[in-house]
């Protein structure tokens, strides 16, 4: 039985491979596979280029926005409003008909809130151990009520 299979494979297979139609079919199949592979490579390269183009377009838009912001900032620096604010802040100048008042340092600091320095107190340590939402609630209550809550 094995001999029969061996002879069948040898004779039939070899005879079929010698047939012109089979050789033409195999050649056509090989050409189709090569063209498909080439087409896939072209599609992949096109996809990569499209991604690169999209990224460069986005970078271009971002750069245009930055340029527009700088142009607006330059235009603002040329306005009279900016020059007046700059003169008030840096040179201590006032507008026409205005008087500049100088407040003594001790009077200004009398109304300023006291900043606690030094090691943390027991209440600060206990407050640090509280959950965030409790600390947040106390902070808002202190902000609106103007009083410290312990």
C-alpha atoms as a PDB file:
ATOM      1  CA  UNK A   1       0.000   0.000   0.000  1.00  0.00           C
ATOM      2  CA  UNK A   2       2.838   2.360   0.855  1.00  0.00           C
ATOM      3  CA  UNK A   3       4.487   1.595  -2.439  1.00  0.00           C
ATOM      4  CA  UNK A   4       1.288   2.488  -4.256  1.00  0.00           C
ATOM      5  CA  UNK A   5       1.129   5.891  -2.487  1.00  0.00           C
ATOM      6  CA  UNK A   6       4.791   6.596  -3.212  1.00  0.00           C
ATOM      7  CA  UNK A   7       4.439   5.803  -6.877  1.00  0.00           C
ATOM      8  CA  UNK A   8       1.201   7.815  -7.117  1.00  0.00           C
ATOM      9  CA  UNK A   9       2.821  10.878  -5.546  1.00  0.00           C
ATOM     10  CA  UNK A  10       5.916  10.577  -7.728  1.00  0.00           C
ATOM     11  CA  UNK A  11       4.145  10.022 -11.003  1.00  0.00           C
ATOM     12  CA  UNK A  12       1.009  12.160 -10.576  1.00  0.00           C
ATOM     13  CA  UNK A  13       2.689  15.080  -8.864  1.00  0.00           C
ATOM     14  CA  UNK A  14       5.574  15.223 -11.280  1.00  0.00           C
ATOM     15  CA  UNK A  15       3.228  14.858 -14.251  1.00  0.00           C
ATOM     16  CA  UNK A  16       1.021  17.679 -12.919  1.00  0.00           C
ATOM     17  CA  UNK A  17       4.035  19.965 -12.374  1.00  0.00           C
ATOM     18  CA  UNK A  18       5.090  19.387 -15.993  1.00  0.00           C
ATOM     19  CA  UNK A  19       1.698  20.504 -17.259  1.00  0.00           C
ATOM     20  CA  UNK A  20       1.734  23.994 -18.831  1.00  0.00           C
ATOM     21  CA  UNK A  21      -1.546  25.004 -17.150  1.00  0.00           C
ATOM     22  CA  UNK A  22      -0.208  24.221 -13.660  1.00  0.00           C
ATOM     23  CA  UNK A  23       3.040  26.071 -14.365  1.00  0.00           C
ATOM     24  CA  UNK A  24       1.052  29.096 -15.629  1.00  0.00           C
ATOM     25  CA  UNK A  25      -1.218  28.972 -12.565  1.00  0.00           C
ATOM     26  CA  UNK A  26       1.743  28.828 -10.174  1.00  0.00           C
ATOM     27  CA  UNK A  27       3.454  31.691 -12.029  1.00  0.00           C
ATOM     28  CA  UNK A  28       0.248  33.780 -11.846  1.00  0.00           C
ATOM     29  CA  UNK A  29      -0.071  33.013  -8.120  1.00  0.00           C
ATOM     30  CA  UNK A  30       3.532  34.073  -7.540  1.00  0.00           C
ATOM     31  CA  UNK A  31       3.002  37.358  -9.424  1.00  0.00           C
ATOM     32  CA  UNK A  32      -0.193  38.098  -7.455  1.00  0.00           C
ATOM     33  CA  UNK A  33       1.590  37.465  -4.134  1.00  0.00           C
ATOM     34  CA  UNK A  34       4.483  39.742  -5.091  1.00  0.00           C
ATOM     35  CA  UNK A  35       2.117  42.526  -6.176  1.00  0.00           C
ATOM     36  CA  UNK A  36       0.078  42.208  -2.977  1.00  0.00           C
ATOM     37  CA  UNK A  37       3.200  42.427  -0.842  1.00  0.00           C
ATOM     38  CA  UNK A  38       4.379  45.464  -2.784  1.00  0.00           C
ATOM     39  CA  UNK A  39       0.956  47.102  -2.460  1.00  0.00           C
ATOM     40  CA  UNK A  40       0.904  46.524   1.287  1.00  0.00           C
ATOM     41  CA  UNK A  41       4.338  48.130   1.611  1.00  0.00           C
ATOM     42  CA  UNK A  42       3.146  51.180  -0.346  1.00  0.00           C
ATOM     43  CA  UNK A  43       0.012  51.490   1.810  1.00  0.00           C
ATOM     44  CA  UNK A  44       2.097  51.250   4.982  1.00  0.00           C
ATOM     45  CA  UNK A  45       4.523  53.931   3.753  1.00  0.00           C
ATOM     46  CA  UNK A  46       1.588  56.173   2.779  1.00  0.00           C
ATOM     47  CA  UNK A  47       0.044  55.749   6.250  1.00  0.00           C
ATOM     48  CA  UNK A  48       3.317  56.718   7.943  1.00  0.00           C
ATOM     49  CA  UNK A  49       3.632  59.785   5.722  1.00  0.00           C
ATOM     50  CA  UNK A  50       0.019  60.820   6.455  1.00  0.00           C
ATOM     51  CA  UNK A  51       0.709  60.563  10.206  1.00  0.00           C
ATOM     52  CA  UNK A  52       3.819  62.676   9.792  1.00  0.00           C
ATOM     53  CA  UNK A  53       1.915  65.290   7.755  1.00  0.00           C
ATOM     54  CA  UNK A  54      -0.841  65.488  10.381  1.00  0.00           C
ATOM     55  CA  UNK A  55       1.711  65.943  13.165  1.00  0.00           C
ATOM     56  CA  UNK A  56       3.535  68.684  11.260  1.00  0.00           C
ATOM     57  CA  UNK A  57       0.232  70.461  10.531  1.00  0.00           C
ATOM     58  CA  UNK A  58      -0.613  70.427  14.241  1.00  0.00           C
ATOM     59  CA  UNK A  59       2.814  71.781  15.132  1.00  0.00           C
ATOM     60  CA  UNK A  60       2.331  74.481  12.481  1.00  0.00           C
ATOM     61  CA  UNK A  61      -1.028  75.497  13.994  1.00  0.00           C
ATOM     62  CA  UNK A  62       0.500  75.642  17.481  1.00  0.00           C
ATOM     63  CA  UNK A  63       3.315  77.828  16.198  1.00  0.00           C
ATOM     64  CA  UNK A  64       0.809  80.131  14.462  1.00  0.00           C
ATOM     65  CA  UNK A  65      -1.107  80.476  17.739  1.00  0.00           C
ATOM     66  CA  UNK A  66       2.113  81.324  19.572  1.00  0.00           C
ATOM     67  CA  UNK A  67       2.920  83.932  16.916  1.00  0.00           C
ATOM     68  CA  UNK A  68      -0.550  85.450  17.237  1.00  0.00           C
ATOM     69  CA  UNK A  69      -0.182  85.592  21.025  1.00  0.00           C
ATOM     70  CA  UNK A  70       3.170  87.338  20.708  1.00  0.00           C
ATOM     71  CA  UNK A  71       1.700  89.814  18.220  1.00  0.00           C
ATOM     72  CA  UNK A  72      -1.194  90.585  20.589  1.00  0.00           C
ATOM     73  CA  UNK A  73       1.230  90.954  23.480  1.00  0.00           C
ATOM     74  CA  UNK A  74       3.386  93.339  21.419  1.00  0.00           C
ATOM     75  CA  UNK A  75       0.297  95.363  20.493  1.00  0.00           C
ATOM     76  CA  UNK A  76      -0.702  95.517  24.174  1.00  0.00           C
ATOM     77  CA  UNK A  77       2.767  96.765  25.171  1.00  0.00           C
ATOM     78  CA  UNK A  78       2.340  99.646  22.721  1.00  0.00           C
ATOM     79  CA  UNK A  79      -0.954 100.837  24.234  1.00  0.00           C
ATOM     80  CA  UNK A  80      -1.254 103.841  26.529  1.00  0.00           C
ATOM     81  CA  UNK A  81      -2.990 101.683  29.132  1.00  0.00           C
ATOM     82  CA  UNK A  82       0.076  99.451  29.528  1.00  0.00           C
ATOM     83  CA  UNK A  83       2.441 102.414  29.654  1.00  0.00           C
ATOM     84  CA  UNK A  84       0.345 103.976  32.419  1.00  0.00           C
ATOM     85  CA  UNK A  85       0.279 100.755  34.462  1.00  0.00           C
ATOM     86  CA  UNK A  86       4.009 100.246  33.950  1.00  0.00           C
ATOM     87  CA  UNK A  87       4.766 103.821  35.077  1.00  0.00           C
ATOM     88  CA  UNK A  88       2.576 103.425  38.158  1.00  0.00           C
ATOM     89  CA  UNK A  89       4.149 100.113  39.212  1.00  0.00           C
ATOM     90  CA  UNK A  90       7.791 100.765  38.467  1.00  0.00           C
ATOM     91  CA  UNK A  91       8.257 104.514  38.811  1.00  0.00           C
ATOM     92  CA  UNK A  92       5.597 105.391  41.370  1.00  0.00           C
ATOM     93  CA  UNK A  93       4.038 107.941  39.009  1.00  0.00           C
ATOM     94  CA  UNK A  94       0.396 108.983  39.140  1.00  0.00           C
ATOM     95  CA  UNK A  95      -2.011 110.201  36.491  1.00  0.00           C
ATOM     96  CA  UNK A  96      -2.989 113.836  35.979  1.00  0.00           C
ATOM     97  CA  UNK A  97      -5.033 115.105  38.929  1.00  0.00           C
ATOM     98  CA  UNK A  98      -4.202 112.101  41.126  1.00  0.00           C
ATOM     99  CA  UNK A  99      -2.276 112.152  44.360  1.00  0.00           C
ATOM    100  CA  UNK A 100      -0.042 109.332  45.502  1.00  0.00           C
ATOM    101  CA  UNK A 101      -0.479 108.271  49.099  1.00  0.00           C
ATOM    102  CA  UNK A 102       2.296 106.557  50.962  1.00  0.00           C
ATOM    103  CA  UNK A 103       1.217 104.296  53.813  1.00  0.00           C
ATOM    104  CA  UNK A 104       3.759 103.718  56.569  1.00  0.00           C
ATOM    105  CA  UNK A 105       4.959 100.150  56.875  1.00  0.00           C
ATOM    106  CA  UNK A 106       3.742  99.656  60.467  1.00  0.00           C
ATOM    107  CA  UNK A 107       0.216 100.798  59.531  1.00  0.00           C
ATOM    108  CA  UNK A 108       0.110  98.469  56.506  1.00  0.00           C
ATOM    109  CA  UNK A 109       1.378  95.511  58.529  1.00  0.00           C
ATOM    110  CA  UNK A 110      -1.103  96.126  61.350  1.00  0.00           C
ATOM    111  CA  UNK A 111      -3.950  94.870  59.114  1.00  0.00           C
ATOM    112  CA  UNK A 112      -1.965  92.041  57.486  1.00  0.00           C
ATOM    113  CA  UNK A 113      -2.692  88.477  58.620  1.00  0.00           C
ATOM    114  CA  UNK A 114      -0.137  86.930  60.929  1.00  0.00           C
ATOM    115  CA  UNK A 115       1.980  84.203  59.390  1.00  0.00           C
ATOM    116  CA  UNK A 116       2.732  81.411  61.809  1.00  0.00           C
ATOM    117  CA  UNK A 117       6.340  80.326  61.870  1.00  0.00           C
ATOM    118  CA  UNK A 118       8.176  77.813  63.972  1.00  0.00           C
ATOM    119  CA  UNK A 119       7.395  74.219  64.875  1.00  0.00           C
ATOM    120  CA  UNK A 120       3.859  72.982  64.213  1.00  0.00           C
ATOM    121  CA  UNK A 121       1.470  73.127  67.116  1.00  0.00           C
ATOM    122  CA  UNK A 122      -0.659  70.272  68.395  1.00  0.00           C
ATOM    123  CA  UNK A 123      -3.750  71.632  66.632  1.00  0.00           C
ATOM    124  CA  UNK A 124      -1.867  71.812  63.325  1.00  0.00           C
ATOM    125  CA  UNK A 125      -0.729  68.203  63.756  1.00  0.00           C
ATOM    126  CA  UNK A 126      -4.281  67.112  64.597  1.00  0.00           C
ATOM    127  CA  UNK A 127      -5.601  69.029  61.597  1.00  0.00           C
ATOM    128  CA  UNK A 128      -3.066  67.342  59.316  1.00  0.00           C
ATOM    129  CA  UNK A 129      -4.422  63.950  60.426  1.00  0.00           C
ATOM    130  CA  UNK A 130      -7.982  64.889  59.448  1.00  0.00           C
ATOM    131  CA  UNK A 131      -9.431  63.687  56.132  1.00  0.00           C
ATOM    132  CA  UNK A 132      -9.135  66.055  53.189  1.00  0.00           C
ATOM    133  CA  UNK A 133     -12.842  66.846  52.967  1.00  0.00           C
ATOM    134  CA  UNK A 134     -12.906  67.961  56.642  1.00  0.00           C
ATOM    135  CA  UNK A 135      -9.874  70.215  56.172  1.00  0.00           C
ATOM    136  CA  UNK A 136     -11.434  71.595  52.989  1.00  0.00           C
ATOM    137  CA  UNK A 137     -14.721  72.310  54.789  1.00  0.00           C
ATOM    138  CA  UNK A 138     -12.919  74.129  57.601  1.00  0.00           C
ATOM    139  CA  UNK A 139     -10.889  76.155  55.115  1.00  0.00           C
ATOM    140  CA  UNK A 140     -14.024  77.282  53.274  1.00  0.00           C
ATOM    141  CA  UNK A 141     -15.797  78.091  56.539  1.00  0.00           C
ATOM    142  CA  UNK A 142     -12.814  80.141  57.679  1.00  0.00           C
ATOM    143  CA  UNK A 143     -12.691  81.902  54.305  1.00  0.00           C
ATOM    144  CA  UNK A 144     -16.354  82.921  54.345  1.00  0.00           C
ATOM    145  CA  UNK A 145     -16.728  83.435  58.082  1.00  0.00           C
ATOM    146  CA  UNK A 146     -13.393  85.112  58.691  1.00  0.00           C
ATOM    147  CA  UNK A 147     -12.786  83.098  61.809  1.00  0.00           C
ATOM    148  CA  UNK A 148     -10.591  80.170  62.693  1.00  0.00           C
ATOM    149  CA  UNK A 149     -12.342  76.864  63.345  1.00  0.00           C
ATOM    150  CA  UNK A 150     -10.685  74.135  65.424  1.00  0.00           C
END
